[in-house]
Amino acid sequence: TMVLYATALPLSVALLVVSCVSLKMSGRIAPHVA
């Protein structure tokens, strides 16, 4: 549990980066990305 919580920070950052890249490349607003 603690290991998973410790990975929450890099996981959330990775999710943000991937979402931003996906939005930038597609140029359209996808609800699941937001």
All heavy atoms as atom14 arrays in JSON, in Angstrom:
{
  "sequence": "TMVLYATALPLSVALLVVSCVSLKMSGRIAPHVA",
  "atom14_mask": [
    [1, 1, 1, 1, 1, 1, 1, 0, 0, 0, 0, 0, 0, 0],
    [1, 1, 1, 1, 1, 1, 1, 1, 0, 0, 0, 0, 0, 0],
    [1, 1, 1, 1, 1, 1, 1, 0, 0, 0, 0, 0, 0, 0],
    [1, 1, 1, 1, 1, 1, 1, 1, 0, 0, 0, 0, 0, 0],
    [1, 1, 1, 1, 1, 1, 1, 1, 1, 1, 1, 1, 0, 0],
    [1, 1, 1, 1, 1, 0, 0, 0, 0, 0, 0, 0, 0, 0],
    [1, 1, 1, 1, 1, 1, 1, 0, 0, 0, 0, 0, 0, 0],
    [1, 1, 1, 1, 1, 0, 0, 0, 0, 0, 0, 0, 0, 0],
    [1, 1, 1, 1, 1, 1, 1, 1, 0, 0, 0, 0, 0, 0],
    [1, 1, 1, 1, 1, 1, 1, 0, 0, 0, 0, 0, 0, 0],
    [1, 1, 1, 1, 1, 1, 1, 1, 0, 0, 0, 0, 0, 0],
    [1, 1, 1, 1, 1, 1, 0, 0, 0, 0, 0, 0, 0, 0],
    [1, 1, 1, 1, 1, 1, 1, 0, 0, 0, 0, 0, 0, 0],
    [1, 1, 1, 1, 1, 0, 0, 0, 0, 0, 0, 0, 0, 0],
    [1, 1, 1, 1, 1, 1, 1, 1, 0, 0, 0, 0, 0, 0],
    [1, 1, 1, 1, 1, 1, 1, 1, 0, 0, 0, 0, 0, 0],
    [1, 1, 1, 1, 1, 1, 1, 0, 0, 0, 0, 0, 0, 0],
    [1, 1, 1, 1, 1, 1, 1, 0, 0, 0, 0, 0, 0, 0],
    [1, 1, 1, 1, 1, 1, 0, 0, 0, 0, 0, 0, 0, 0],
    [1, 1, 1, 1, 1, 1, 0, 0, 0, 0, 0, 0, 0, 0],
    [1, 1, 1, 1, 1, 1, 1, 0, 0, 0, 0, 0, 0, 0],
    [1, 1, 1, 1, 1, 1, 0, 0, 0, 0, 0, 0, 0, 0],
    [1, 1, 1, 1, 1, 1, 1, 1, 0, 0, 0, 0, 0, 0],
    [1, 1, 1, 1, 1, 1, 1, 1, 1, 0, 0, 0, 0, 0],
    [1, 1, 1, 1, 1, 1, 1, 1, 0, 0, 0, 0, 0, 0],
    [1, 1, 1, 1, 1, 1, 0, 0, 0, 0, 0, 0, 0, 0],
    [1, 1, 1, 1, 0, 0, 0, 0, 0, 0, 0, 0, 0, 0],
    [1, 1, 1, 1, 1, 1, 1, 1, 1, 1, 1, 0, 0, 0],
    [1, 1, 1, 1, 1, 1, 1, 1, 0, 0, 0, 0, 0, 0],
    [1, 1, 1, 1, 1, 0, 0, 0, 0, 0, 0, 0, 0, 0],
    [1, 1, 1, 1, 1, 1, 1, 0, 0, 0, 0, 0, 0, 0],
    [1, 1, 1, 1, 1, 1, 1, 1, 1, 1, 0, 0, 0, 0],
    [1, 1, 1, 1, 1, 1, 1, 0, 0, 0, 0, 0, 0, 0],
    [1, 1, 1, 1, 1, 0, 0, 0, 0, 0, 0, 0, 0, 0]
  ],
  "atom14_positions": [
    [[0.83, -1.2, 0.0], [0.0, 0.0, 0.0], [0.86, 1.25, 0.0], [0.64, 2.18, -0.77], [-0.92, 0.01, 1.24], [-1.57, -1.24, 1.33], [-1.95, 1.12, 1.15], [0.0, 0.0, 0.0], [0.0, 0.0, 0.0], [0.0, 0.0, 0.0], [0.0, 0.0, 0.0], [0.0, 0.0, 0.0], [0.0, 0.0, 0.0], [0.0, 0.0, 0.0]],
    [[1.86, 1.26, 0.88], [2.75, 2.42, 0.95], [3.55, 2.56, -0.35], [3.77, 3.66, -0.84], [3.7, 2.28, 2.14], [4.66, 3.45, 2.29], [3.8, 5.0, 2.65], [3.61, 4.85, 4.43], [0.0, 0.0, 0.0], [0.0, 0.0, 0.0], [0.0, 0.0, 0.0], [0.0, 0.0, 0.0], [0.0, 0.0, 0.0], [0.0, 0.0, 0.0]],
    [[3.98, 1.43, -0.91], [4.72, 1.48, -2.18], [3.84, 2.12, -3.26], [4.29, 2.96, -4.04], [5.15, 0.07, -2.6], [5.74, 0.1, -4.02], [6.16, -0.49, -1.62], [0.0, 0.0, 0.0], [0.0, 0.0, 0.0], [0.0, 0.0, 0.0], [0.0, 0.0, 0.0], [0.0, 0.0, 0.0], [0.0, 0.0, 0.0], [0.0, 0.0, 0.0]],
    [[2.56, 1.72, -3.29], [1.66, 2.25, -4.3], [1.44, 3.75, -4.09], [1.45, 4.53, -5.04], [0.32, 1.52, -4.25], [-0.72, 1.95, -5.28], [-0.17, 1.81, -6.7], [-2.0, 1.15, -5.13], [0.0, 0.0, 0.0], [0.0, 0.0, 0.0], [0.0, 0.0, 0.0], [0.0, 0.0, 0.0], [0.0, 0.0, 0.0], [0.0, 0.0, 0.0]],
    [[1.26, 4.17, -2.82], [1.07, 5.59, -2.54], [2.32, 6.38, -2.92], [2.24, 7.51, -3.38], [0.73, 5.82, -1.07], [-0.64, 5.32, -0.68], [-1.02, 5.23, 0.65], [-1.56, 4.94, -1.64], [-2.28, 4.77, 1.01], [-2.81, 4.48, -1.3], [-3.17, 4.39, 0.02], [-4.42, 3.93, 0.37], [0.0, 0.0, 0.0], [0.0, 0.0, 0.0]],
    [[3.49, 5.76, -2.69], [4.74, 6.42, -3.04], [4.86, 6.62, -4.55], [5.5, 7.57, -5.02], [5.93, 5.62, -2.52], [0.0, 0.0, 0.0], [0.0, 0.0, 0.0], [0.0, 0.0, 0.0], [0.0, 0.0, 0.0], [0.0, 0.0, 0.0], [0.0, 0.0, 0.0], [0.0, 0.0, 0.0], [0.0, 0.0, 0.0], [0.0, 0.0, 0.0]],
    [[4.24, 5.72, -5.31], [4.3, 5.86, -6.78], [3.2, 6.78, -7.31], [3.16, 7.06, -8.5], [4.16, 4.49, -7.47], [2.89, 3.92, -7.13], [5.26, 3.54, -7.01], [0.0, 0.0, 0.0], [0.0, 0.0, 0.0], [0.0, 0.0, 0.0], [0.0, 0.0, 0.0], [0.0, 0.0, 0.0], [0.0, 0.0, 0.0], [0.0, 0.0, 0.0]],
    [[2.29, 7.22, -6.43], [1.19, 8.06, -6.89], [1.7, 9.36, -7.51], [1.13, 9.87, -8.48], [0.24, 8.36, -5.73], [0.0, 0.0, 0.0], [0.0, 0.0, 0.0], [0.0, 0.0, 0.0], [0.0, 0.0, 0.0], [0.0, 0.0, 0.0], [0.0, 0.0, 0.0], [0.0, 0.0, 0.0], [0.0, 0.0, 0.0], [0.0, 0.0, 0.0]],
    [[2.78, 9.9, -6.93], [3.33, 11.15, -7.46], [3.84, 10.99, -8.89], [3.39, 11.71, -9.78], [4.44, 11.66, -6.53], [5.12, 12.97, -6.93], [4.11, 14.12, -6.95], [6.25, 13.31, -5.96], [0.0, 0.0, 0.0], [0.0, 0.0, 0.0], [0.0, 0.0, 0.0], [0.0, 0.0, 0.0], [0.0, 0.0, 0.0], [0.0, 0.0, 0.0]],
    [[4.76, 10.04, -9.15], [5.2, 9.9, -10.56], [4.08, 9.44, -11.5], [4.05, 9.84, -12.66], [6.32, 8.84, -10.47], [6.13, 8.15, -9.17], [5.53, 9.16, -8.26], [0.0, 0.0, 0.0], [0.0, 0.0, 0.0], [0.0, 0.0, 0.0], [0.0, 0.0, 0.0], [0.0, 0.0, 0.0], [0.0, 0.0, 0.0], [0.0, 0.0, 0.0]],
    [[3.15, 8.61, -11.0], [2.05, 8.16, -11.85], [1.16, 9.32, -12.27], [0.76, 9.42, -13.44], [1.22, 7.11, -11.12], [1.81, 5.7, -10.99], [0.85, 4.81, -10.21], [2.1, 5.1, -12.36], [0.0, 0.0, 0.0], [0.0, 0.0, 0.0], [0.0, 0.0, 0.0], [0.0, 0.0, 0.0], [0.0, 0.0, 0.0], [0.0, 0.0, 0.0]],
    [[0.85, 10.21, -11.33], [-0.02, 11.34, -11.66], [0.69, 12.31, -12.59], [0.07, 12.86, -13.51], [-0.46, 12.05, -10.37], [0.64, 12.44, -9.58], [0.0, 0.0, 0.0], [0.0, 0.0, 0.0], [0.0, 0.0, 0.0], [0.0, 0.0, 0.0], [0.0, 0.0, 0.0], [0.0, 0.0, 0.0], [0.0, 0.0, 0.0], [0.0, 0.0, 0.0]],
    [[2.0, 12.51, -12.39], [2.76, 13.37, -13.29], [2.79, 12.77, -14.7], [2.59, 13.47, -15.7], [4.19, 13.58, -12.76], [5.04, 14.3, -13.81], [4.18, 14.39, -11.47], [0.0, 0.0, 0.0], [0.0, 0.0, 0.0], [0.0, 0.0, 0.0], [0.0, 0.0, 0.0], [0.0, 0.0, 0.0], [0.0, 0.0, 0.0], [0.0, 0.0, 0.0]],
    [[3.01, 11.45, -14.78], [3.04, 10.78, -16.08], [1.69, 10.9, -16.78], [1.63, 11.14, -18.0], [3.4, 9.3, -15.89], [0.0, 0.0, 0.0], [0.0, 0.0, 0.0], [0.0, 0.0, 0.0], [0.0, 0.0, 0.0], [0.0, 0.0, 0.0], [0.0, 0.0, 0.0], [0.0, 0.0, 0.0], [0.0, 0.0, 0.0], [0.0, 0.0, 0.0]],
    [[0.61, 10.75, -16.02], [-0.72, 10.87, -16.62], [-0.96, 12.27, -17.16], [-1.52, 12.45, -18.24], [-1.78, 10.52, -15.57], [-3.24, 10.5, -16.04], [-3.42, 9.45, -17.14], [-4.17, 10.21, -14.88], [0.0, 0.0, 0.0], [0.0, 0.0, 0.0], [0.0, 0.0, 0.0], [0.0, 0.0, 0.0], [0.0, 0.0, 0.0], [0.0, 0.0, 0.0]],
    [[-0.49, 13.27, -16.44], [-0.63, 14.66, -16.9], [0.15, 14.9, -18.18], [-0.35, 15.53, -19.11], [-0.14, 15.62, -15.8], [-1.12, 15.91, -14.67], [-0.42, 16.71, -13.58], [-2.31, 16.7, -15.2], [0.0, 0.0, 0.0], [0.0, 0.0, 0.0], [0.0, 0.0, 0.0], [0.0, 0.0, 0.0], [0.0, 0.0, 0.0], [0.0, 0.0, 0.0]],
    [[1.38, 14.42, -18.2], [2.23, 14.62, -19.38], [1.61, 13.96, -20.61], [1.52, 14.56, -21.69], [3.66, 14.08, -19.13], [4.47, 14.09, -20.42], [4.36, 14.89, -18.05], [0.0, 0.0, 0.0], [0.0, 0.0, 0.0], [0.0, 0.0, 0.0], [0.0, 0.0, 0.0], [0.0, 0.0, 0.0], [0.0, 0.0, 0.0], [0.0, 0.0, 0.0]],
    [[1.19, 12.71, -20.44], [0.59, 11.98, -21.56], [-0.67, 12.68, -22.05], [-0.93, 12.8, -23.25], [0.27, 10.53, -21.14], [-0.58, 9.83, -22.21], [1.56, 9.75, -20.91], [0.0, 0.0, 0.0], [0.0, 0.0, 0.0], [0.0, 0.0, 0.0], [0.0, 0.0, 0.0], [0.0, 0.0, 0.0], [0.0, 0.0, 0.0], [0.0, 0.0, 0.0]],
    [[-1.49, 13.18, -21.11], [-2.72, 13.87, -21.47], [-2.43, 15.14, -22.25], [-3.1, 15.44, -23.26], [-3.52, 14.21, -20.21], [-3.87, 13.05, -19.49], [0.0, 0.0, 0.0], [0.0, 0.0, 0.0], [0.0, 0.0, 0.0], [0.0, 0.0, 0.0], [0.0, 0.0, 0.0], [0.0, 0.0, 0.0], [0.0, 0.0, 0.0], [0.0, 0.0, 0.0]],
    [[-1.44, 15.91, -21.8], [-1.08, 17.15, -22.5], [-0.56, 16.87, -23.91], [-0.92, 17.58, -24.87], [-0.04, 17.93, -21.69], [-0.68, 18.66, -20.16], [0.0, 0.0, 0.0], [0.0, 0.0, 0.0], [0.0, 0.0, 0.0], [0.0, 0.0, 0.0], [0.0, 0.0, 0.0], [0.0, 0.0, 0.0], [0.0, 0.0, 0.0], [0.0, 0.0, 0.0]],
    [[0.28, 15.85, -24.02], [0.82, 15.5, -25.33], [-0.3, 15.05, -26.27], [-0.36, 15.43, -27.45], [1.89, 14.39, -25.2], [2.29, 13.85, -26.57], [3.1, 14.92, -24.46], [0.0, 0.0, 0.0], [0.0, 0.0, 0.0], [0.0, 0.0, 0.0], [0.0, 0.0, 0.0], [0.0, 0.0, 0.0], [0.0, 0.0, 0.0], [0.0, 0.0, 0.0]],
    [[-1.22, 14.22, -25.74], [-2.35, 13.74, -26.54], [-3.21, 14.9, -27.02], [-3.62, 14.94, -28.19], [-3.19, 12.77, -25.7], [-4.36, 12.4, -26.38], [0.0, 0.0, 0.0], [0.0, 0.0, 0.0], [0.0, 0.0, 0.0], [0.0, 0.0, 0.0], [0.0, 0.0, 0.0], [0.0, 0.0, 0.0], [0.0, 0.0, 0.0], [0.0, 0.0, 0.0]],
    [[-3.47, 15.85, -26.14], [-4.29, 17.01, -26.51], [-3.58, 17.87, -27.55], [-4.19, 18.34, -28.52], [-4.6, 17.83, -25.26], [-5.43, 19.11, -25.46], [-6.79, 18.77, -26.06], [-5.6, 19.84, -24.15], [0.0, 0.0, 0.0], [0.0, 0.0, 0.0], [0.0, 0.0, 0.0], [0.0, 0.0, 0.0], [0.0, 0.0, 0.0], [0.0, 0.0, 0.0]],
    [[-2.29, 18.06, -27.37], [-1.52, 18.9, -28.3], [-1.47, 18.28, -29.69], [-1.61, 18.97, -30.71], [-0.11, 19.09, -27.75], [0.77, 20.01, -28.58], [0.24, 21.44, -28.56], [1.18, 22.38, -29.31], [0.64, 23.76, -29.37], [0.0, 0.0, 0.0], [0.0, 0.0, 0.0], [0.0, 0.0, 0.0], [0.0, 0.0, 0.0], [0.0, 0.0, 0.0]],
    [[-1.29, 16.95, -29.72], [-1.15, 16.28, -31.02], [-2.48, 16.17, -31.75], [-2.54, 16.32, -32.97], [-0.56, 14.87, -30.82], [0.9, 14.88, -30.35], [1.56, 13.23, -30.12], [1.49, 12.6, -31.8], [0.0, 0.0, 0.0], [0.0, 0.0, 0.0], [0.0, 0.0, 0.0], [0.0, 0.0, 0.0], [0.0, 0.0, 0.0], [0.0, 0.0, 0.0]],
    [[-3.56, 15.93, -31.0], [-4.85, 15.76, -31.66], [-5.5, 17.09, -32.01], [-6.24, 17.2, -32.99], [-5.8, 14.96, -30.76], [-6.12, 15.7, -29.59], [0.0, 0.0, 0.0], [0.0, 0.0, 0.0], [0.0, 0.0, 0.0], [0.0, 0.0, 0.0], [0.0, 0.0, 0.0], [0.0, 0.0, 0.0], [0.0, 0.0, 0.0], [0.0, 0.0, 0.0]],
    [[-5.24, 18.11, -31.19], [-5.81, 19.42, -31.44], [-7.29, 19.53, -31.12], [-7.92, 20.56, -31.34], [0.0, 0.0, 0.0], [0.0, 0.0, 0.0], [0.0, 0.0, 0.0], [0.0, 0.0, 0.0], [0.0, 0.0, 0.0], [0.0, 0.0, 0.0], [0.0, 0.0, 0.0], [0.0, 0.0, 0.0], [0.0, 0.0, 0.0], [0.0, 0.0, 0.0]],
    [[-7.86, 18.46, -30.56], [-9.28, 18.5, -30.19], [-9.45, 18.11, -28.73], [-8.6, 17.43, -28.15], [-10.1, 17.58, -31.09], [-9.78, 16.11, -30.93], [-10.57, 15.26, -31.92], [-10.34, 13.84, -31.73], [-11.01, 13.1, -30.84], [-11.96, 13.65, -30.1], [-10.75, 11.81, -30.71], [0.0, 0.0, 0.0], [0.0, 0.0, 0.0], [0.0, 0.0, 0.0]],
    [[-10.56, 18.54, -28.16], [-10.81, 18.32, -26.74], [-11.54, 17.0, -26.57], [-12.7, 16.86, -26.93], [-11.67, 19.46, -26.15], [-10.98, 20.81, -26.42], [-11.89, 19.26, -24.67], [-11.89, 21.98, -26.17], [0.0, 0.0, 0.0], [0.0, 0.0, 0.0], [0.0, 0.0, 0.0], [0.0, 0.0, 0.0], [0.0, 0.0, 0.0], [0.0, 0.0, 0.0]],
    [[-10.83, 16.0, -26.03], [-11.44, 14.71, -25.74], [-11.85, 14.68, -24.27], [-11.01, 14.97, -23.4], [-10.46, 13.58, -26.05], [0.0, 0.0, 0.0], [0.0, 0.0, 0.0], [0.0, 0.0, 0.0], [0.0, 0.0, 0.0], [0.0, 0.0, 0.0], [0.0, 0.0, 0.0], [0.0, 0.0, 0.0], [0.0, 0.0, 0.0], [0.0, 0.0, 0.0]],
    [[-13.1, 14.35, -23.95], [-13.55, 14.37, -22.55], [-12.7, 13.52, -21.62], [-12.41, 13.92, -20.49], [-14.98, 13.84, -22.64], [-15.43, 14.15, -24.02], [-14.2, 14.03, -24.87], [0.0, 0.0, 0.0], [0.0, 0.0, 0.0], [0.0, 0.0, 0.0], [0.0, 0.0, 0.0], [0.0, 0.0, 0.0], [0.0, 0.0, 0.0], [0.0, 0.0, 0.0]],
    [[-12.26, 12.34, -22.1], [-11.49, 11.46, -21.21], [-10.11, 12.04, -20.93], [-9.54, 11.81, -19.85], [-11.38, 10.05, -21.83], [-10.44, 9.96, -23.0], [-10.84, 10.26, -24.29], [-9.12, 9.62, -23.08], [-9.82, 10.1, -25.11], [-8.77, 9.71, -24.41], [0.0, 0.0, 0.0], [0.0, 0.0, 0.0], [0.0, 0.0, 0.0], [0.0, 0.0, 0.0]],
    [[-9.56, 12.82, -21.86], [-8.25, 13.44, -21.62], [-8.37, 14.51, -20.55], [-7.53, 14.6, -19.64], [-7.7, 14.05, -22.93], [-6.43, 14.86, -22.65], [-7.41, 12.95, -23.95], [0.0, 0.0, 0.0], [0.0, 0.0, 0.0], [0.0, 0.0, 0.0], [0.0, 0.0, 0.0], [0.0, 0.0, 0.0], [0.0, 0.0, 0.0], [0.0, 0.0, 0.0]],
    [[-9.41, 15.33, -20.62], [-9.63, 16.34, -19.59], [-9.86, 15.69, -18.23], [-9.34, 16.16, -17.2], [-10.83, 17.22, -19.97], [0.0, 0.0, 0.0], [0.0, 0.0, 0.0], [0.0, 0.0, 0.0], [0.0, 0.0, 0.0], [0.0, 0.0, 0.0], [0.0, 0.0, 0.0], [0.0, 0.0, 0.0], [0.0, 0.0, 0.0], [0.0, 0.0, 0.0]]
  ]
}
